[in-house]
Amino acid sequence: MYKKIMVGYDGTKFSDCALKEAIALAKGSGAKLLLVSAPEIDVELQSLAPEANELMGKKARTDLDRAAAKVKKAGLACETKIVATTSAQETLVETAKKNKADLIVLGTHGRTGLMRLLMGSTTARVIGHAHCSVLVVRCL
């Protein structure tokens, strides 16, 4: 069914829920897993505090290493990528396409109404632009 499943991972409980679902799907289909973190670089913050983006990169590496350990514990292998960006949704879509993922798995905060309008939704934007199917995992 699936050959390569990409998981957008940011270390939150929401991405942990997405990872858990992706692991189950990979076990069932024999798919390879690709875990991607896309920390957003703020150009203004970079000029004020250059070390902030470096710290974000280190956090992303720590998060992905923790996620990869969960995958390994489940008896699967995975590839990890950190892609620093100014647009997480664009990077996730492009990375999925470049790596020939046939499914993107993302967690969602489940925000609605004014909160979603004000904060936006990376997941919604990925759904709208992805070349492949997107599974949205709601974490309760």
N, C-alpha and C. Protein backbone atom coordinates (compact mmCIF):
# COMPACT_ATOMS: atom_id res chain seq x y z
N MET A 1 0.82 -1.18 0.00
CA MET A 1 0.00 0.00 0.00
C MET A 1 0.87 1.25 0.00
N TYR A 2 1.61 1.51 1.09
CA TYR A 2 2.52 2.66 1.13
C TYR A 2 3.95 2.17 1.05
N LYS A 3 4.78 2.92 0.33
CA LYS A 3 6.19 2.58 0.23
C LYS A 3 7.05 3.47 1.11
N LYS A 4 6.68 4.76 1.18
CA LYS A 4 7.42 5.70 2.03
C LYS A 4 6.43 6.63 2.72
N ILE A 5 6.52 6.66 4.03
CA ILE A 5 5.66 7.50 4.86
C ILE A 5 6.53 8.57 5.50
N MET A 6 6.17 9.82 5.27
CA MET A 6 6.89 10.94 5.88
C MET A 6 6.08 11.46 7.06
N VAL A 7 6.75 11.66 8.17
CA VAL A 7 6.11 12.20 9.38
C VAL A 7 6.71 13.56 9.68
N GLY A 8 5.85 14.57 9.76
CA GLY A 8 6.29 15.89 10.21
C GLY A 8 6.42 15.83 11.73
N TYR A 9 7.62 16.07 12.24
CA TYR A 9 7.86 15.86 13.66
C TYR A 9 8.49 17.10 14.29
N ASP A 10 7.85 17.59 15.37
CA ASP A 10 8.38 18.77 16.06
C ASP A 10 8.56 18.57 17.56
N GLY A 11 8.44 17.35 18.01
CA GLY A 11 8.68 17.05 19.42
C GLY A 11 7.50 17.26 20.34
N THR A 12 6.37 17.71 19.81
CA THR A 12 5.18 17.91 20.64
C THR A 12 4.41 16.60 20.81
N LYS A 13 3.46 16.60 21.73
CA LYS A 13 2.63 15.41 21.91
C LYS A 13 1.82 15.14 20.64
N PHE A 14 1.53 16.18 19.88
CA PHE A 14 0.75 16.02 18.65
C PHE A 14 1.56 15.27 17.60
N SER A 15 2.85 15.60 17.49
CA SER A 15 3.68 14.87 16.54
C SER A 15 3.98 13.45 17.06
N ASP A 16 3.98 13.27 18.37
CA ASP A 16 4.13 11.90 18.92
C ASP A 16 2.94 11.03 18.53
N CYS A 17 1.74 11.60 18.54
CA CYS A 17 0.56 10.86 18.11
C CYS A 17 0.66 10.49 16.63
N ALA A 18 1.13 11.43 15.83
CA ALA A 18 1.31 11.17 14.40
C ALA A 18 2.35 10.08 14.19
N LEU A 19 3.43 10.13 14.94
CA LEU A 19 4.48 9.12 14.83
C LEU A 19 3.95 7.73 15.18
N LYS A 20 3.18 7.65 16.23
CA LYS A 20 2.61 6.37 16.64
C LYS A 20 1.75 5.78 15.52
N GLU A 21 0.95 6.60 14.89
CA GLU A 21 0.10 6.15 13.79
C GLU A 21 0.94 5.73 12.59
N ALA A 22 1.98 6.50 12.29
CA ALA A 22 2.86 6.19 11.16
C ALA A 22 3.59 4.86 11.38
N ILE A 23 4.01 4.62 12.61
CA ILE A 23 4.67 3.34 12.93
C ILE A 23 3.72 2.18 12.66
N ALA A 24 2.48 2.32 13.10
CA ALA A 24 1.48 1.25 12.88
C ALA A 24 1.26 1.03 11.38
N LEU A 25 1.16 2.11 10.62
CA LEU A 25 0.97 1.99 9.17
C LEU A 25 2.18 1.35 8.50
N ALA A 26 3.37 1.74 8.92
CA ALA A 26 4.60 1.19 8.34
C ALA A 26 4.72 -0.30 8.63
N LYS A 27 4.36 -0.70 9.83
CA LYS A 27 4.39 -2.12 10.17
C LYS A 27 3.43 -2.91 9.29
N GLY A 28 2.26 -2.35 9.07
CA GLY A 28 1.24 -3.04 8.28
C GLY A 28 1.51 -3.08 6.80
N SER A 29 2.24 -2.09 6.30
CA SER A 29 2.45 -2.00 4.85
C SER A 29 3.88 -2.26 4.41
N GLY A 30 4.80 -2.33 5.37
CA GLY A 30 6.21 -2.52 5.02
C GLY A 30 6.86 -1.25 4.49
N ALA A 31 6.24 -0.11 4.73
CA ALA A 31 6.77 1.17 4.24
C ALA A 31 8.00 1.60 5.02
N LYS A 32 8.80 2.42 4.37
CA LYS A 32 9.94 3.07 5.03
C LYS A 32 9.43 4.36 5.66
N LEU A 33 10.05 4.73 6.78
CA LEU A 33 9.66 5.97 7.46
C LEU A 33 10.71 7.05 7.27
N LEU A 34 10.23 8.26 7.04
CA LEU A 34 11.08 9.44 6.96
C LEU A 34 10.53 10.44 7.97
N LEU A 35 11.33 10.78 8.97
CA LEU A 35 10.93 11.75 9.98
C LEU A 35 11.58 13.09 9.65
N VAL A 36 10.75 14.12 9.53
CA VAL A 36 11.24 15.44 9.12
C VAL A 36 10.86 16.50 10.14
N SER A 37 11.86 17.27 10.52
CA SER A 37 11.63 18.43 11.37
C SER A 37 11.96 19.66 10.52
N ALA A 38 11.08 20.64 10.55
CA ALA A 38 11.26 21.85 9.76
C ALA A 38 11.19 23.08 10.65
N PRO A 39 12.23 23.29 11.49
CA PRO A 39 12.20 24.47 12.36
C PRO A 39 12.21 25.75 11.54
N GLU A 40 11.32 26.65 11.91
CA GLU A 40 11.21 27.90 11.16
C GLU A 40 12.21 28.92 11.67
N ILE A 41 12.98 29.44 10.74
CA ILE A 41 13.98 30.47 11.05
C ILE A 41 13.32 31.83 10.92
N ASP A 42 13.47 32.62 11.93
CA ASP A 42 12.96 33.99 11.91
C ASP A 42 14.13 34.90 11.59
N VAL A 43 14.07 35.55 10.44
CA VAL A 43 15.17 36.38 9.97
C VAL A 43 15.47 37.51 10.95
N GLU A 44 14.43 38.13 11.49
CA GLU A 44 14.65 39.22 12.46
C GLU A 44 15.29 38.70 13.73
N LEU A 45 14.82 37.54 14.20
CA LEU A 45 15.41 36.95 15.40
C LEU A 45 16.87 36.59 15.14
N GLN A 46 17.17 36.12 13.95
CA GLN A 46 18.54 35.75 13.59
C GLN A 46 19.48 36.94 13.75
N SER A 47 19.02 38.12 13.36
CA SER A 47 19.88 39.30 13.47
C SER A 47 20.05 39.75 14.93
N LEU A 48 19.03 39.53 15.74
CA LEU A 48 19.10 39.94 17.14
C LEU A 48 19.77 38.91 18.04
N ALA A 49 19.53 37.66 17.73
CA ALA A 49 20.07 36.58 18.56
C ALA A 49 20.47 35.41 17.68
N PRO A 50 21.65 35.49 17.07
CA PRO A 50 22.07 34.45 16.11
C PRO A 50 22.09 33.04 16.71
N GLU A 51 22.28 32.95 17.99
CA GLU A 51 22.34 31.63 18.63
C GLU A 51 20.96 30.97 18.74
N ALA A 52 19.88 31.75 18.61
CA ALA A 52 18.53 31.20 18.76
C ALA A 52 18.23 30.14 17.70
N ASN A 53 18.59 30.41 16.45
CA ASN A 53 18.34 29.43 15.40
C ASN A 53 19.20 28.19 15.58
N GLU A 54 20.42 28.37 16.09
CA GLU A 54 21.28 27.22 16.36
C GLU A 54 20.65 26.35 17.45
N LEU A 55 20.09 26.99 18.47
CA LEU A 55 19.42 26.25 19.54
C LEU A 55 18.20 25.49 19.00
N MET A 56 17.47 26.11 18.07
CA MET A 56 16.32 25.44 17.45
C MET A 56 16.78 24.20 16.69
N GLY A 57 17.90 24.31 16.00
CA GLY A 57 18.45 23.17 15.27
C GLY A 57 18.85 22.05 16.21
N LYS A 58 19.46 22.39 17.33
CA LYS A 58 19.85 21.38 18.32
C LYS A 58 18.62 20.70 18.92
N LYS A 59 17.58 21.50 19.20
CA LYS A 59 16.34 20.92 19.73
C LYS A 59 15.72 19.97 18.71
N ALA A 60 15.71 20.38 17.44
CA ALA A 60 15.16 19.53 16.38
C ALA A 60 15.92 18.20 16.32
N ARG A 61 17.26 18.25 16.44
CA ARG A 61 18.05 17.02 16.40
C ARG A 61 17.72 16.13 17.59
N THR A 62 17.60 16.71 18.76
CA THR A 62 17.25 15.95 19.96
C THR A 62 15.88 15.31 19.80
N ASP A 63 14.91 16.09 19.30
CA ASP A 63 13.56 15.56 19.09
C ASP A 63 13.56 14.41 18.09
N LEU A 64 14.27 14.59 16.98
CA LEU A 64 14.29 13.53 15.96
C LEU A 64 15.02 12.28 16.46
N ASP A 65 16.07 12.45 17.24
CA ASP A 65 16.77 11.29 17.81
C ASP A 65 15.85 10.51 18.74
N ARG A 66 15.06 11.24 19.52
CA ARG A 66 14.10 10.60 20.43
C ARG A 66 13.04 9.84 19.63
N ALA A 67 12.55 10.47 18.56
CA ALA A 67 11.54 9.84 17.71
C ALA A 67 12.12 8.61 17.01
N ALA A 68 13.35 8.72 16.52
CA ALA A 68 13.99 7.58 15.84
C ALA A 68 14.17 6.41 16.80
N ALA A 69 14.44 6.70 18.07
CA ALA A 69 14.56 5.64 19.07
C ALA A 69 13.23 4.91 19.25
N LYS A 70 12.12 5.64 19.18
CA LYS A 70 10.79 5.02 19.28
C LYS A 70 10.54 4.11 18.08
N VAL A 71 10.96 4.57 16.91
CA VAL A 71 10.79 3.77 15.70
C VAL A 71 11.61 2.49 15.82
N LYS A 72 12.86 2.63 16.26
CA LYS A 72 13.75 1.47 16.42
C LYS A 72 13.17 0.49 17.43
N LYS A 73 12.64 1.01 18.53
CA LYS A 73 12.04 0.16 19.56
C LYS A 73 10.85 -0.63 19.00
N ALA A 74 10.18 -0.06 17.99
CA ALA A 74 9.04 -0.74 17.35
C ALA A 74 9.51 -1.75 16.31
N GLY A 75 10.83 -1.86 16.14
CA GLY A 75 11.36 -2.84 15.20
C GLY A 75 11.48 -2.35 13.77
N LEU A 76 11.47 -1.03 13.59
CA LEU A 76 11.56 -0.45 12.26
C LEU A 76 12.78 0.45 12.16
N ALA A 77 13.16 0.74 10.94
CA ALA A 77 14.24 1.70 10.69
C ALA A 77 13.62 2.97 10.12
N CYS A 78 14.35 4.06 10.24
CA CYS A 78 13.86 5.30 9.65
C CYS A 78 15.03 6.19 9.26
N GLU A 79 14.70 7.15 8.44
CA GLU A 79 15.64 8.19 8.05
C GLU A 79 15.13 9.48 8.71
N THR A 80 16.05 10.35 9.11
CA THR A 80 15.64 11.62 9.69
C THR A 80 16.26 12.77 8.91
N LYS A 81 15.52 13.87 8.83
CA LYS A 81 16.01 15.07 8.16
C LYS A 81 15.57 16.30 8.94
N ILE A 82 16.49 17.24 9.05
CA ILE A 82 16.17 18.56 9.59
C ILE A 82 16.35 19.54 8.44
N VAL A 83 15.31 20.31 8.17
CA VAL A 83 15.36 21.28 7.09
C VAL A 83 14.95 22.64 7.67
N ALA A 84 15.94 23.47 8.00
CA ALA A 84 15.64 24.80 8.52
C ALA A 84 14.99 25.61 7.40
N THR A 85 13.98 26.37 7.76
CA THR A 85 13.16 27.01 6.73
C THR A 85 12.52 28.29 7.25
N THR A 86 11.96 29.03 6.34
CA THR A 86 11.13 30.17 6.73
C THR A 86 9.65 29.81 6.58
N SER A 87 9.37 28.62 6.05
CA SER A 87 7.99 28.16 5.87
C SER A 87 7.91 26.65 6.06
N ALA A 88 7.47 26.23 7.23
CA ALA A 88 7.41 24.80 7.53
C ALA A 88 6.52 24.05 6.54
N GLN A 89 5.36 24.60 6.22
CA GLN A 89 4.45 23.88 5.33
C GLN A 89 5.05 23.69 3.94
N GLU A 90 5.69 24.71 3.40
CA GLU A 90 6.32 24.57 2.08
C GLU A 90 7.43 23.53 2.12
N THR A 91 8.21 23.56 3.18
CA THR A 91 9.32 22.62 3.31
C THR A 91 8.81 21.19 3.44
N LEU A 92 7.77 20.98 4.22
CA LEU A 92 7.22 19.63 4.36
C LEU A 92 6.71 19.11 3.02
N VAL A 93 6.00 19.95 2.28
CA VAL A 93 5.48 19.55 0.97
C VAL A 93 6.62 19.23 0.01
N GLU A 94 7.62 20.11 -0.06
CA GLU A 94 8.76 19.91 -0.96
C GLU A 94 9.57 18.67 -0.57
N THR A 95 9.79 18.47 0.71
CA THR A 95 10.56 17.32 1.17
C THR A 95 9.85 16.01 0.85
N ALA A 96 8.54 16.00 1.03
CA ALA A 96 7.77 14.80 0.69
C ALA A 96 7.89 14.48 -0.80
N LYS A 97 7.81 15.51 -1.62
CA LYS A 97 7.89 15.31 -3.06
C LYS A 97 9.29 14.84 -3.47
N LYS A 98 10.32 15.50 -2.98
CA LYS A 98 11.70 15.14 -3.32
C LYS A 98 12.04 13.71 -2.89
N ASN A 99 11.47 13.29 -1.78
CA ASN A 99 11.78 11.95 -1.24
C ASN A 99 10.77 10.90 -1.67
N LYS A 100 9.87 11.28 -2.57
CA LYS A 100 8.88 10.36 -3.13
C LYS A 100 8.02 9.67 -2.06
N ALA A 101 7.62 10.46 -1.06
CA ALA A 101 6.71 9.94 -0.04
C ALA A 101 5.33 9.79 -0.66
N ASP A 102 4.65 8.70 -0.33
CA ASP A 102 3.29 8.56 -0.83
C ASP A 102 2.25 8.80 0.25
N LEU A 103 2.71 9.18 1.44
CA LEU A 103 1.82 9.57 2.52
C LEU A 103 2.58 10.50 3.46
N ILE A 104 1.93 11.58 3.86
CA ILE A 104 2.46 12.48 4.88
C ILE A 104 1.56 12.32 6.10
N VAL A 105 2.16 12.11 7.26
CA VAL A 105 1.39 11.98 8.49
C VAL A 105 1.76 13.16 9.40
N LEU A 106 0.72 13.89 9.81
CA LEU A 106 0.90 15.06 10.65
C LEU A 106 -0.05 15.03 11.83
N GLY A 107 0.38 15.57 12.94
CA GLY A 107 -0.51 15.75 14.07
C GLY A 107 -1.20 17.09 13.95
N THR A 108 -2.25 17.26 14.70
CA THR A 108 -2.94 18.54 14.71
C THR A 108 -3.30 18.92 16.13
N HIS A 109 -3.29 20.20 16.39
CA HIS A 109 -3.69 20.72 17.70
C HIS A 109 -5.19 20.72 17.85
N GLY A 110 -5.90 20.67 16.73
CA GLY A 110 -7.35 20.69 16.79
C GLY A 110 -7.93 22.05 17.09
N ARG A 111 -7.17 23.10 16.78
CA ARG A 111 -7.69 24.45 17.01
C ARG A 111 -8.80 24.75 16.02
N THR A 112 -9.76 25.50 16.48
CA THR A 112 -10.87 25.89 15.60
C THR A 112 -11.15 27.37 15.80
N GLY A 113 -12.02 27.89 14.98
CA GLY A 113 -12.50 29.26 15.15
C GLY A 113 -11.42 30.30 15.11
N LEU A 114 -11.50 31.24 16.04
CA LEU A 114 -10.60 32.39 16.07
C LEU A 114 -9.15 31.96 16.27
N MET A 115 -8.89 30.97 17.11
CA MET A 115 -7.52 30.53 17.36
C MET A 115 -6.88 30.01 16.07
N ARG A 116 -7.61 29.25 15.28
CA ARG A 116 -7.07 28.74 14.02
C ARG A 116 -6.84 29.87 13.04
N LEU A 117 -7.78 30.81 13.01
CA LEU A 117 -7.65 31.95 12.11
C LEU A 117 -6.42 32.78 12.47
N LEU A 118 -6.20 33.03 13.75
CA LEU A 118 -5.08 33.85 14.18
C LEU A 118 -3.74 33.12 14.05
N MET A 119 -3.71 31.85 14.35
CA MET A 119 -2.46 31.11 14.38
C MET A 119 -2.16 30.40 13.07
N GLY A 120 -3.17 30.21 12.22
CA GLY A 120 -2.95 29.48 10.98
C GLY A 120 -2.86 27.99 11.26
N SER A 121 -2.68 27.23 10.22
CA SER A 121 -2.56 25.80 10.39
C SER A 121 -1.59 25.24 9.38
N THR A 122 -0.43 24.84 9.87
CA THR A 122 0.56 24.21 9.00
C THR A 122 -0.05 22.99 8.34
N THR A 123 -0.77 22.19 9.11
CA THR A 123 -1.38 20.97 8.59
C THR A 123 -2.35 21.29 7.46
N ALA A 124 -3.20 22.29 7.64
CA ALA A 124 -4.16 22.65 6.59
C ALA A 124 -3.44 23.08 5.32
N ARG A 125 -2.37 23.82 5.47
CA ARG A 125 -1.63 24.27 4.30
C ARG A 125 -0.93 23.11 3.59
N VAL A 126 -0.43 22.16 4.35
CA VAL A 126 0.19 20.97 3.74
C VAL A 126 -0.87 20.19 2.96
N ILE A 127 -2.04 20.01 3.56
CA ILE A 127 -3.12 19.29 2.87
C ILE A 127 -3.42 19.95 1.53
N GLY A 128 -3.46 21.25 1.51
CA GLY A 128 -3.82 21.98 0.30
C GLY A 128 -2.78 21.94 -0.80
N HIS A 129 -1.53 21.60 -0.47
CA HIS A 129 -0.47 21.67 -1.47
C HIS A 129 0.29 20.36 -1.70
N ALA A 130 0.03 19.36 -0.91
CA ALA A 130 0.78 18.10 -1.03
C ALA A 130 0.44 17.37 -2.32
N HIS A 131 1.44 16.68 -2.85
CA HIS A 131 1.27 15.88 -4.07
C HIS A 131 0.71 14.48 -3.75
N CYS A 132 0.67 14.16 -2.48
CA CYS A 132 0.26 12.82 -2.07
C CYS A 132 -0.80 12.93 -0.97
N SER A 133 -1.25 11.80 -0.50
CA SER A 133 -2.24 11.78 0.58
C SER A 133 -1.62 12.31 1.87
N VAL A 134 -2.47 12.91 2.70
CA VAL A 134 -2.05 13.43 3.99
C VAL A 134 -2.99 12.86 5.05
N LEU A 135 -2.40 12.22 6.05
CA LEU A 135 -3.18 11.70 7.16
C LEU A 135 -3.01 12.65 8.33
N VAL A 136 -4.11 13.18 8.83
CA VAL A 136 -4.08 14.09 9.96
C VAL A 136 -4.51 13.31 11.20
N VAL A 137 -3.65 13.26 12.17
CA VAL A 137 -3.90 12.50 13.40
C VAL A 137 -4.25 13.49 14.50
N ARG A 138 -5.42 13.32 15.04
CA ARG A 138 -5.86 14.19 16.12
C ARG A 138 -5.46 13.54 17.45
N CYS A 139 -4.81 14.28 18.27
CA CYS A 139 -4.31 13.78 19.55
C CYS A 139 -5.20 14.34 20.65
N LEU A 140 -5.82 13.46 21.36
CA LEU A 140 -6.72 13.91 22.44
C LEU A 140 -6.06 13.83 23.77
